[in-house]
C-alpha atoms as a PDB file:
ATOM      1  CA  MET A   1       0.000   0.000   0.000  1.00  0.00           C
ATOM      2  CA  TRP A   2       1.526   3.249  -1.090  1.00  0.00           C
ATOM      3  CA  THR A   3       0.471   6.614  -2.448  1.00  0.00           C
ATOM      4  CA  ASP A   4       3.119   8.025  -4.776  1.00  0.00           C
ATOM      5  CA  ARG A   5       3.069  11.789  -4.358  1.00  0.00           C
ATOM      6  CA  SER A   6       6.304  12.648  -6.183  1.00  0.00           C
ATOM      7  CA  THR A   7       6.222  11.111  -9.669  1.00  0.00           C
ATOM      8  CA  LEU A   8       3.171  12.812 -11.185  1.00  0.00           C
ATOM      9  CA  SER A   9       1.383  16.085 -10.592  1.00  0.00           C
ATOM     10  CA  ALA A  10      -1.344  14.260  -8.635  1.00  0.00           C
ATOM     11  CA  PRO A  11      -1.202  11.477  -6.023  1.00  0.00           C
ATOM     12  CA  VAL A  12      -1.456   7.914  -7.376  1.00  0.00           C
ATOM     13  CA  ASP A  13      -2.434   4.980  -5.161  1.00  0.00           C
ATOM     14  CA  LEU A  14      -0.253   1.935  -5.794  1.00  0.00           C
ATOM     15  CA  GLY A  15      -1.807  -1.263  -4.605  1.00  0.00           C
ATOM     16  CA  ALA A  16      -4.279  -2.409  -2.022  1.00  0.00           C
ATOM     17  CA  GLY A  17      -7.017  -0.352  -3.577  1.00  0.00           C
ATOM     18  CA  TRP A  18      -9.304  -3.328  -3.223  1.00  0.00           C
ATOM     19  CA  ILE A  19      -9.168  -5.911  -0.439  1.00  0.00           C
ATOM     20  CA  GLN A  20     -10.710  -9.196  -1.471  1.00  0.00           C
ATOM     21  CA  THR A  21     -11.727 -11.685   1.200  1.00  0.00           C
ATOM     22  CA  SER A  22     -11.045  -9.391   4.124  1.00  0.00           C
ATOM     23  CA  GLU A  23     -11.436 -12.178   6.696  1.00  0.00           C
ATOM     24  CA  GLY A  24      -7.903 -13.308   7.553  1.00  0.00           C
ATOM     25  CA  ASN A  25      -6.319 -10.958   5.011  1.00  0.00           C
ATOM     26  CA  PRO A  26      -3.176  -9.278   6.437  1.00  0.00           C
ATOM     27  CA  ILE A  27      -4.066  -6.036   4.624  1.00  0.00           C
ATOM     28  CA  SER A  28      -7.287  -5.875   6.673  1.00  0.00           C
ATOM     29  CA  SER A  29      -5.245  -6.174   9.867  1.00  0.00           C
ATOM     30  CA  LEU A  30      -2.962  -3.350   8.726  1.00  0.00           C
ATOM     31  CA  CYS A  31      -5.951  -1.148   7.962  1.00  0.00           C
ATOM     32  CA  LYS A  32      -7.339  -1.726  11.439  1.00  0.00           C
ATOM     33  CA  HIS A  33      -3.945  -1.118  13.056  1.00  0.00           C
ATOM     34  CA  PHE A  34      -3.400   2.196  11.238  1.00  0.00           C
ATOM     35  CA  ASN A  35      -7.068   3.275  11.383  1.00  0.00           C
ATOM     36  CA  ILE A  36      -7.411   3.256   7.591  1.00  0.00           C
ATOM     37  CA  LYS A  37     -11.054   3.511   6.601  1.00  0.00           C
ATOM     38  CA  THR A  38     -12.521   0.732   4.480  1.00  0.00           C
ATOM     39  CA  ARG A  39     -15.966   0.155   3.079  1.00  0.00           C
ATOM     40  CA  LYS A  40     -17.819  -2.713   1.495  1.00  0.00           C
ATOM     41  CA  THR A  41     -18.145  -2.540  -2.253  1.00  0.00           C
ATOM     42  CA  ASP A  42     -18.828  -4.629  -5.309  1.00  0.00           C
ATOM     43  CA  TYR A  43     -18.614  -4.252  -9.071  1.00  0.00           C
ATOM     44  CA  ASP A  44     -22.055  -2.627  -9.180  1.00  0.00           C
ATOM     45  CA  ASN A  45     -21.258   0.401  -7.035  1.00  0.00           C
ATOM     46  CA  ASP A  46     -17.885   1.539  -8.301  1.00  0.00           C
ATOM     47  CA  ILE A  47     -17.295   5.112  -9.427  1.00  0.00           C
ATOM     48  CA  LEU A  48     -14.717   5.968 -12.067  1.00  0.00           C
ATOM     49  CA  TYR A  49     -13.217   9.412 -12.537  1.00  0.00           C
ATOM     50  CA  TRP A  50     -11.460  11.139 -15.413  1.00  0.00           C
ATOM     51  CA  LYS A  51      -8.015  12.585 -14.699  1.00  0.00           C
ATOM     52  CA  ASP A  52      -9.650  16.005 -14.213  1.00  0.00           C
ATOM     53  CA  GLY A  53     -11.720  14.613 -11.329  1.00  0.00           C
ATOM     54  CA  LYS A  54     -15.043  14.518 -13.165  1.00  0.00           C
ATOM     55  CA  GLU A  55     -17.094  11.363 -12.885  1.00  0.00           C
ATOM     56  CA  VAL A  56     -17.092   9.011 -15.891  1.00  0.00           C
ATOM     57  CA  LYS A  57     -20.685   8.672 -17.097  1.00  0.00           C
ATOM     58  CA  GLU A  58     -22.258   5.235 -17.443  1.00  0.00           C
ATOM     59  CA  LYS A  59     -22.385   5.364 -21.254  1.00  0.00           C
ATOM     60  CA  ASP A  60     -18.616   5.986 -21.384  1.00  0.00           C
ATOM     61  CA  GLN A  61     -18.002   3.162 -18.910  1.00  0.00           C
ATOM     62  CA  ASN A  62     -20.023   0.825 -21.132  1.00  0.00           C
ATOM     63  CA  VAL A  63     -17.932   1.770 -24.177  1.00  0.00           C
ATOM     64  CA  ALA A  64     -14.713   1.173 -22.218  1.00  0.00           C
ATOM     65  CA  GLU A  65     -15.945  -2.220 -20.995  1.00  0.00           C
ATOM     66  CA  LYS A  66     -16.788  -3.309 -24.560  1.00  0.00           C
ATOM     67  CA  LEU A  67     -13.347  -2.265 -25.763  1.00  0.00           C
ATOM     68  CA  TYR A  68     -11.738  -4.155 -22.873  1.00  0.00           C
ATOM     69  CA  GLU A  69     -13.740  -7.289 -23.721  1.00  0.00           C
ATOM     70  CA  GLN A  70     -12.517  -7.092 -27.329  1.00  0.00           C
ATOM     71  CA  VAL A  71      -8.860  -7.198 -26.335  1.00  0.00           C
ATOM     72  CA  MET A  72      -9.259  -9.905 -23.718  1.00  0.00           C
END
């Protein structure tokens, strides 16, 4: 878990953005130890943002998902 604040003009989170199977996961223990807030989520309630901070609209997300499926 690390937020790089020196490489780009904006902070970039590197890793541990999503904790899967929190029960027994050492990342969950670290979050509790350092009082890092977590919240339950799933693929249906994610929010994507453009680099300017504006929210990516659903129609644009759908286009991106279709493009991703084509290359996979």
